[in-house]
Amino acid sequence: MSEQKAERITILAREFAEAAFEYHRGRLGEKGYRMAGPIVQHKFMLLEGPQEPTELFDGEPLFAATFVLKDAEEG
């Protein structure tokens, strides 16, 4: 990751526990992050231009855990 901290980091994982554990493994709390919301499954799609969106990860739903810098403004 670059020297400048990202305001939000989203971790994707196939299992709930993997996504939850990354907060501790990655020492995100020590780096100034907190959870932005619950860890839930998402299906990811990419939209590029006017065509139909393309499924990412072969359409497999993944657990997403989003972390936000504690001093970042919500919005």
PDB file of N, CA and C in Angstrom:
ATOM      1  N   MET A   1       0.853  -1.183   0.000  1.00  0.00           N
ATOM      2  CA  MET A   1       0.000   0.000   0.000  1.00  0.00           C
ATOM      3  C   MET A   1       0.890   1.235   0.000  1.00  0.00           C
ATOM      4  N   SER A   2       0.416   2.346  -0.517  1.00  0.00           N
ATOM      5  CA  SER A   2       1.195   3.570  -0.578  1.00  0.00           C
ATOM      6  C   SER A   2       1.385   4.149   0.819  1.00  0.00           C
ATOM      7  N   GLU A   3       2.282   5.155   0.918  1.00  0.00           N
ATOM      8  CA  GLU A   3       2.547   5.788   2.206  1.00  0.00           C
ATOM      9  C   GLU A   3       1.314   6.485   2.753  1.00  0.00           C
ATOM     10  N   GLN A   4       0.517   7.099   1.873  1.00  0.00           N
ATOM     11  CA  GLN A   4      -0.698   7.768   2.315  1.00  0.00           C
ATOM     12  C   GLN A   4      -1.746   6.710   2.631  1.00  0.00           C
ATOM     13  N   LYS A   5      -2.368   6.829   3.806  1.00  0.00           N
ATOM     14  CA  LYS A   5      -3.380   5.854   4.200  1.00  0.00           C
ATOM     15  C   LYS A   5      -4.657   6.064   3.400  1.00  0.00           C
ATOM     16  N   ALA A   6      -5.221   4.957   2.963  1.00  0.00           N
ATOM     17  CA  ALA A   6      -6.524   5.004   2.298  1.00  0.00           C
ATOM     18  C   ALA A   6      -7.572   5.293   3.365  1.00  0.00           C
ATOM     19  N   GLU A   7      -8.572   6.098   3.029  1.00  0.00           N
ATOM     20  CA  GLU A   7      -9.641   6.405   3.978  1.00  0.00           C
ATOM     21  C   GLU A   7     -10.456   5.154   4.306  1.00  0.00           C
ATOM     22  N   ARG A   8     -10.622   4.293   3.311  1.00  0.00           N
ATOM     23  CA  ARG A   8     -11.372   3.041   3.496  1.00  0.00           C
ATOM     24  C   ARG A   8     -10.588   1.890   2.894  1.00  0.00           C
ATOM     25  N   ILE A   9     -10.659   0.757   3.570  1.00  0.00           N
ATOM     26  CA  ILE A   9     -10.062  -0.484   3.077  1.00  0.00           C
ATOM     27  C   ILE A   9     -11.156  -1.541   3.136  1.00  0.00           C
ATOM     28  N   THR A  10     -11.351  -2.272   2.047  1.00  0.00           N
ATOM     29  CA  THR A  10     -12.319  -3.369   2.046  1.00  0.00           C
ATOM     30  C   THR A  10     -11.566  -4.667   1.812  1.00  0.00           C
ATOM     31  N   ILE A  11     -11.745  -5.600   2.727  1.00  0.00           N
ATOM     32  CA  ILE A  11     -11.143  -6.926   2.655  1.00  0.00           C
ATOM     33  C   ILE A  11     -12.195  -7.884   2.114  1.00  0.00           C
ATOM     34  N   LEU A  12     -11.826  -8.674   1.116  1.00  0.00           N
ATOM     35  CA  LEU A  12     -12.722  -9.689   0.559  1.00  0.00           C
ATOM     36  C   LEU A  12     -12.216 -11.062   0.968  1.00  0.00           C
ATOM     37  N   ALA A  13     -13.132 -11.941   1.347  1.00  0.00           N
ATOM     38  CA  ALA A  13     -12.746 -13.288   1.767  1.00  0.00           C
ATOM     39  C   ALA A  13     -13.867 -14.263   1.451  1.00  0.00           C
ATOM     40  N   ARG A  14     -13.496 -15.511   1.254  1.00  0.00           N
ATOM     41  CA  ARG A  14     -14.504 -16.545   0.976  1.00  0.00           C
ATOM     42  C   ARG A  14     -15.230 -16.992   2.243  1.00  0.00           C
ATOM     43  N   GLU A  15     -14.595 -16.814   3.395  1.00  0.00           N
ATOM     44  CA  GLU A  15     -15.182 -17.220   4.674  1.00  0.00           C
ATOM     45  C   GLU A  15     -15.326 -16.003   5.585  1.00  0.00           C
ATOM     46  N   PHE A  16     -16.385 -15.987   6.377  1.00  0.00           N
ATOM     47  CA  PHE A  16     -16.635 -14.892   7.313  1.00  0.00           C
ATOM     48  C   PHE A  16     -15.459 -14.712   8.273  1.00  0.00           C
ATOM     49  N   ALA A  17     -14.984 -15.810   8.853  1.00  0.00           N
ATOM     50  CA  ALA A  17     -13.919 -15.734   9.859  1.00  0.00           C
ATOM     51  C   ALA A  17     -12.645 -15.112   9.295  1.00  0.00           C
ATOM     52  N   GLU A  18     -12.326 -15.409   8.041  1.00  0.00           N
ATOM     53  CA  GLU A  18     -11.125 -14.838   7.420  1.00  0.00           C
ATOM     54  C   GLU A  18     -11.240 -13.316   7.345  1.00  0.00           C
ATOM     55  N   ALA A  19     -12.394 -12.826   6.944  1.00  0.00           N
ATOM     56  CA  ALA A  19     -12.604 -11.385   6.838  1.00  0.00           C
ATOM     57  C   ALA A  19     -12.538 -10.721   8.213  1.00  0.00           C
ATOM     58  N   ALA A  20     -13.148 -11.360   9.207  1.00  0.00           N
ATOM     59  CA  ALA A  20     -13.155 -10.807  10.561  1.00  0.00           C
ATOM     60  C   ALA A  20     -11.751 -10.796  11.158  1.00  0.00           C
ATOM     61  N   PHE A  21     -11.001 -11.852  10.946  1.00  0.00           N
ATOM     62  CA  PHE A  21      -9.670 -11.976  11.543  1.00  0.00           C
ATOM     63  C   PHE A  21      -8.679 -10.973  10.962  1.00  0.00           C
ATOM     64  N   GLU A  22      -8.902 -10.515   9.743  1.00  0.00           N
ATOM     65  CA  GLU A  22      -7.952  -9.603   9.101  1.00  0.00           C
ATOM     66  C   GLU A  22      -7.788  -8.302   9.876  1.00  0.00           C
ATOM     67  N   TYR A  23      -8.818  -7.878  10.587  1.00  0.00           N
ATOM     68  CA  TYR A  23      -8.706  -6.673  11.425  1.00  0.00           C
ATOM     69  C   TYR A  23      -7.563  -6.832  12.419  1.00  0.00           C
ATOM     70  N   HIS A  24      -7.477  -8.011  13.010  1.00  0.00           N
ATOM     71  CA  HIS A  24      -6.431  -8.276  14.016  1.00  0.00           C
ATOM     72  C   HIS A  24      -5.105  -8.612  13.355  1.00  0.00           C
ATOM     73  N   ARG A  25      -5.132  -9.486  12.365  1.00  0.00           N
ATOM     74  CA  ARG A  25      -3.904  -9.899  11.703  1.00  0.00           C
ATOM     75  C   ARG A  25      -3.198  -8.707  11.059  1.00  0.00           C
ATOM     76  N   GLY A  26      -3.981  -7.849  10.416  1.00  0.00           N
ATOM     77  CA  GLY A  26      -3.421  -6.688   9.748  1.00  0.00           C
ATOM     78  C   GLY A  26      -3.185  -5.500  10.669  1.00  0.00           C
ATOM     79  N   ARG A  27      -3.495  -5.685  11.959  1.00  0.00           N
ATOM     80  CA  ARG A  27      -3.313  -4.614  12.957  1.00  0.00           C
ATOM     81  C   ARG A  27      -3.973  -3.309  12.512  1.00  0.00           C
ATOM     82  N   LEU A  28      -5.160  -3.455  11.949  1.00  0.00           N
ATOM     83  CA  LEU A  28      -5.857  -2.285  11.419  1.00  0.00           C
ATOM     84  C   LEU A  28      -6.251  -1.301  12.509  1.00  0.00           C
ATOM     85  N   GLY A  29      -6.596  -1.797  13.695  1.00  0.00           N
ATOM     86  CA  GLY A  29      -6.904  -0.904  14.815  1.00  0.00           C
ATOM     87  C   GLY A  29      -5.712  -0.047  15.186  1.00  0.00           C
ATOM     88  N   GLU A  30      -4.534  -0.656  15.229  1.00  0.00           N
ATOM     89  CA  GLU A  30      -3.303   0.082  15.533  1.00  0.00           C
ATOM     90  C   GLU A  30      -2.988   1.106  14.450  1.00  0.00           C
ATOM     91  N   LYS A  31      -3.462   0.855  13.238  1.00  0.00           N
ATOM     92  CA  LYS A  31      -3.214   1.764  12.114  1.00  0.00           C
ATOM     93  C   LYS A  31      -4.289   2.848  12.007  1.00  0.00           C
ATOM     94  N   GLY A  32      -5.234   2.848  12.962  1.00  0.00           N
ATOM     95  CA  GLY A  32      -6.241   3.906  13.002  1.00  0.00           C
ATOM     96  C   GLY A  32      -7.560   3.592  12.342  1.00  0.00           C
ATOM     97  N   TYR A  33      -7.827   2.319  12.051  1.00  0.00           N
ATOM     98  CA  TYR A  33      -9.071   1.943  11.375  1.00  0.00           C
ATOM     99  C   TYR A  33     -10.077   1.340  12.353  1.00  0.00           C
ATOM    100  N   ARG A  34     -11.347   1.472  12.002  1.00  0.00           N
ATOM    101  CA  ARG A  34     -12.442   0.810  12.719  1.00  0.00           C
ATOM    102  C   ARG A  34     -13.359   0.202  11.672  1.00  0.00           C
ATOM    103  N   MET A  35     -14.192  -0.744  12.097  1.00  0.00           N
ATOM    104  CA  MET A  35     -15.135  -1.354  11.149  1.00  0.00           C
ATOM    105  C   MET A  35     -16.197  -0.324  10.770  1.00  0.00           C
ATOM    106  N   ALA A  36     -16.538  -0.286   9.493  1.00  0.00           N
ATOM    107  CA  ALA A  36     -17.531   0.662   9.003  1.00  0.00           C
ATOM    108  C   ALA A  36     -18.946   0.095   9.065  1.00  0.00           C
ATOM    109  N   GLY A  37     -19.069  -1.198   9.232  1.00  0.00           N
ATOM    110  CA  GLY A  37     -20.387  -1.826   9.246  1.00  0.00           C
ATOM    111  C   GLY A  37     -20.229  -3.328   9.382  1.00  0.00           C
ATOM    112  N   PRO A  38     -21.301  -4.068   9.236  1.00  0.00           N
ATOM    113  CA  PRO A  38     -21.217  -5.523   9.392  1.00  0.00           C
ATOM    114  C   PRO A  38     -20.474  -6.190   8.230  1.00  0.00           C
ATOM    115  N   ILE A  39     -19.963  -7.364   8.494  1.00  0.00           N
ATOM    116  CA  ILE A  39     -19.333  -8.192   7.465  1.00  0.00           C
ATOM    117  C   ILE A  39     -20.455  -8.988   6.808  1.00  0.00           C
ATOM    118  N   VAL A  40     -20.659  -8.741   5.517  1.00  0.00           N
ATOM    119  CA  VAL A  40     -21.742  -9.417   4.796  1.00  0.00           C
ATOM    120  C   VAL A  40     -21.239  -9.885   3.432  1.00  0.00           C
ATOM    121  N   GLN A  41     -21.973 -10.831   2.854  1.00  0.00           N
ATOM    122  CA  GLN A  41     -21.621 -11.321   1.523  1.00  0.00           C
ATOM    123  C   GLN A  41     -22.099 -10.348   0.450  1.00  0.00           C
ATOM    124  N   HIS A  42     -21.267 -10.208  -0.584  1.00  0.00           N
ATOM    125  CA  HIS A  42     -21.585  -9.365  -1.733  1.00  0.00           C
ATOM    126  C   HIS A  42     -21.272 -10.141  -3.006  1.00  0.00           C
ATOM    127  N   LYS A  43     -22.011  -9.849  -4.035  1.00  0.00           N
ATOM    128  CA  LYS A  43     -21.662 -10.298  -5.382  1.00  0.00           C
ATOM    129  C   LYS A  43     -21.086  -9.073  -6.073  1.00  0.00           C
ATOM    130  N   PHE A  44     -19.899  -9.196  -6.638  1.00  0.00           N
ATOM    131  CA  PHE A  44     -19.208  -8.055  -7.220  1.00  0.00           C
ATOM    132  C   PHE A  44     -19.352  -8.044  -8.729  1.00  0.00           C
ATOM    133  N   MET A  45     -19.641  -6.841  -9.253  1.00  0.00           N
ATOM    134  CA  MET A  45     -19.785  -6.661 -10.693  1.00  0.00           C
ATOM    135  C   MET A  45     -19.048  -5.384 -11.075  1.00  0.00           C
ATOM    136  N   LEU A  46     -18.474  -5.386 -12.273  1.00  0.00           N
ATOM    137  CA  LEU A  46     -17.726  -4.234 -12.764  1.00  0.00           C
ATOM    138  C   LEU A  46     -18.444  -3.647 -13.970  1.00  0.00           C
ATOM    139  N   LEU A  47     -18.665  -2.362 -13.909  1.00  0.00           N
ATOM    140  CA  LEU A  47     -19.311  -1.655 -15.010  1.00  0.00           C
ATOM    141  C   LEU A  47     -18.268  -0.776 -15.683  1.00  0.00           C
ATOM    142  N   GLU A  48     -18.083  -1.021 -16.981  1.00  0.00           N
ATOM    143  CA  GLU A  48     -17.143  -0.229 -17.768  1.00  0.00           C
ATOM    144  C   GLU A  48     -17.864   0.267 -19.011  1.00  0.00           C
ATOM    145  N   GLY A  49     -18.299   1.499 -18.953  1.00  0.00           N
ATOM    146  CA  GLY A  49     -19.013   2.063 -20.091  1.00  0.00           C
ATOM    147  C   GLY A  49     -20.463   1.643 -20.120  1.00  0.00           C
ATOM    148  N   PRO A  50     -21.097   1.777 -21.284  1.00  0.00           N
ATOM    149  CA  PRO A  50     -22.533   1.553 -21.394  1.00  0.00           C
ATOM    150  C   PRO A  50     -22.959   0.074 -21.445  1.00  0.00           C
ATOM    151  N   GLN A  51     -22.022  -0.847 -21.609  1.00  0.00           N
ATOM    152  CA  GLN A  51     -22.411  -2.260 -21.703  1.00  0.00           C
ATOM    153  C   GLN A  51     -22.858  -2.815 -20.344  1.00  0.00           C
ATOM    154  N   GLU A  52     -23.348  -4.030 -20.373  1.00  0.00           N
ATOM    155  CA  GLU A  52     -23.797  -4.707 -19.155  1.00  0.00           C
ATOM    156  C   GLU A  52     -22.605  -4.941 -18.217  1.00  0.00           C
ATOM    157  N   PRO A  53     -22.837  -4.930 -16.905  1.00  0.00           N
ATOM    158  CA  PRO A  53     -21.747  -5.191 -15.965  1.00  0.00           C
ATOM    159  C   PRO A  53     -21.225  -6.626 -16.088  1.00  0.00           C
ATOM    160  N   THR A  54     -19.957  -6.803 -15.757  1.00  0.00           N
ATOM    161  CA  THR A  54     -19.302  -8.102 -15.787  1.00  0.00           C
ATOM    162  C   THR A  54     -19.165  -8.623 -14.362  1.00  0.00           C
ATOM    163  N   GLU A  55     -19.533  -9.888 -14.151  1.00  0.00           N
ATOM    164  CA  GLU A  55     -19.373 -10.484 -12.826  1.00  0.00           C
ATOM    165  C   GLU A  55     -17.891 -10.669 -12.535  1.00  0.00           C
ATOM    166  N   LEU A  56     -17.485 -10.304 -11.343  1.00  0.00           N
ATOM    167  CA  LEU A  56     -16.123 -10.541 -10.887  1.00  0.00           C
ATOM    168  C   LEU A  56     -16.094 -11.811 -10.046  1.00  0.00           C
ATOM    169  N   PHE A  57     -14.951 -12.424  -9.943  1.00  0.00           N
ATOM    170  CA  PHE A  57     -14.772 -13.646  -9.142  1.00  0.00           C
ATOM    171  C   PHE A  57     -15.734 -14.743  -9.583  1.00  0.00           C
ATOM    172  N   ASP A  58     -15.999 -14.815 -10.885  1.00  0.00           N
ATOM    173  CA  ASP A  58     -16.902 -15.820 -11.466  1.00  0.00           C
ATOM    174  C   ASP A  58     -18.291 -15.799 -10.832  1.00  0.00           C
ATOM    175  N   GLY A  59     -18.698 -14.636 -10.337  1.00  0.00           N
ATOM    176  CA  GLY A  59     -20.026 -14.502  -9.738  1.00  0.00           C
ATOM    177  C   GLY A  59     -20.139 -15.039  -8.330  1.00  0.00           C
ATOM    178  N   GLU A  60     -19.031 -15.526  -7.773  1.00  0.00           N
ATOM    179  CA  GLU A  60     -19.041 -16.089  -6.409  1.00  0.00           C
ATOM    180  C   GLU A  60     -19.225 -14.966  -5.385  1.00  0.00           C
ATOM    181  N   PRO A  61     -20.219 -15.063  -4.506  1.00  0.00           N
ATOM    182  CA  PRO A  61     -20.361 -14.066  -3.441  1.00  0.00           C
ATOM    183  C   PRO A  61     -19.187 -14.188  -2.464  1.00  0.00           C
ATOM    184  N   LEU A  62     -18.673 -13.055  -2.053  1.00  0.00           N
ATOM    185  CA  LEU A  62     -17.572 -13.022  -1.090  1.00  0.00           C
ATOM    186  C   LEU A  62     -17.981 -12.162   0.097  1.00  0.00           C
ATOM    187  N   PHE A  63     -17.409 -12.483   1.255  1.00  0.00           N
ATOM    188  CA  PHE A  63     -17.626 -11.646   2.431  1.00  0.00           C
ATOM    189  C   PHE A  63     -16.776 -10.398   2.293  1.00  0.00           C
ATOM    190  N   ALA A  64     -17.365  -9.251   2.597  1.00  0.00           N
ATOM    191  CA  ALA A  64     -16.662  -7.978   2.515  1.00  0.00           C
ATOM    192  C   ALA A  64     -16.680  -7.315   3.891  1.00  0.00           C
ATOM    193  N   ALA A  65     -15.494  -6.955   4.354  1.00  0.00           N
ATOM    194  CA  ALA A  65     -15.348  -6.224   5.613  1.00  0.00           C
ATOM    195  C   ALA A  65     -14.696  -4.891   5.272  1.00  0.00           C
ATOM    196  N   THR A  66     -15.404  -3.807   5.538  1.00  0.00           N
ATOM    197  CA  THR A  66     -14.873  -2.482   5.222  1.00  0.00           C
ATOM    198  C   THR A  66     -14.445  -1.788   6.509  1.00  0.00           C
ATOM    199  N   PHE A  67     -13.260  -1.209   6.442  1.00  0.00           N
ATOM    200  CA  PHE A  67     -12.687  -0.496   7.571  1.00  0.00           C
ATOM    201  C   PHE A  67     -12.445   0.943   7.150  1.00  0.00           C
ATOM    202  N   VAL A  68     -12.695   1.875   8.054  1.00  0.00           N
ATOM    203  CA  VAL A  68     -12.545   3.303   7.769  1.00  0.00           C
ATOM    204  C   VAL A  68     -11.617   3.911   8.808  1.00  0.00           C
ATOM    205  N   LEU A  69     -10.828   4.902   8.393  1.00  0.00           N
ATOM    206  CA  LEU A  69      -9.977   5.598   9.352  1.00  0.00           C
ATOM    207  C   LEU A  69     -10.852   6.243  10.406  1.00  0.00           C
ATOM    208  N   LYS A  70     -10.461   6.111  11.659  1.00  0.00           N
ATOM    209  CA  LYS A  70     -11.278   6.637  12.760  1.00  0.00           C
ATOM    210  C   LYS A  70     -11.500   8.136  12.658  1.00  0.00           C
ATOM    211  N   ASP A  71     -10.534   8.860  12.108  1.00  0.00           N
ATOM    212  CA  ASP A  71     -10.678  10.315  12.005  1.00  0.00           C
ATOM    213  C   ASP A  71     -11.248  10.767  10.661  1.00  0.00           C
ATOM    214  N   ALA A  72     -11.613   9.822   9.810  1.00  0.00           N
ATOM    215  CA  ALA A  72     -12.189  10.165   8.496  1.00  0.00           C
ATOM    216  C   ALA A  72     -13.659  10.539   8.693  1.00  0.00           C
ATOM    217  N   GLU A  73     -14.104  11.499   7.922  1.00  0.00           N
ATOM    218  CA  GLU A  73     -15.495  11.924   7.982  1.00  0.00           C
ATOM    219  C   GLU A  73     -16.361  10.903   7.275  1.00  0.00           C
ATOM    220  N   GLU A  74     -17.442  10.464   7.909  1.00  0.00           N
ATOM    221  CA  GLU A  74     -18.388   9.541   7.273  1.00  0.00           C
ATOM    222  C   GLU A  74     -19.148  10.274   6.185  1.00  0.00           C
ATOM    223  N   GLY A  75     -19.490   9.521   5.144  1.00  0.00           N
ATOM    224  CA  GLY A  75     -20.297  10.170   4.120  1.00  0.00           C
ATOM    225  C   GLY A  75     -20.219   9.548   2.812  1.00  0.00           C
TER     226      GLY A  75
END
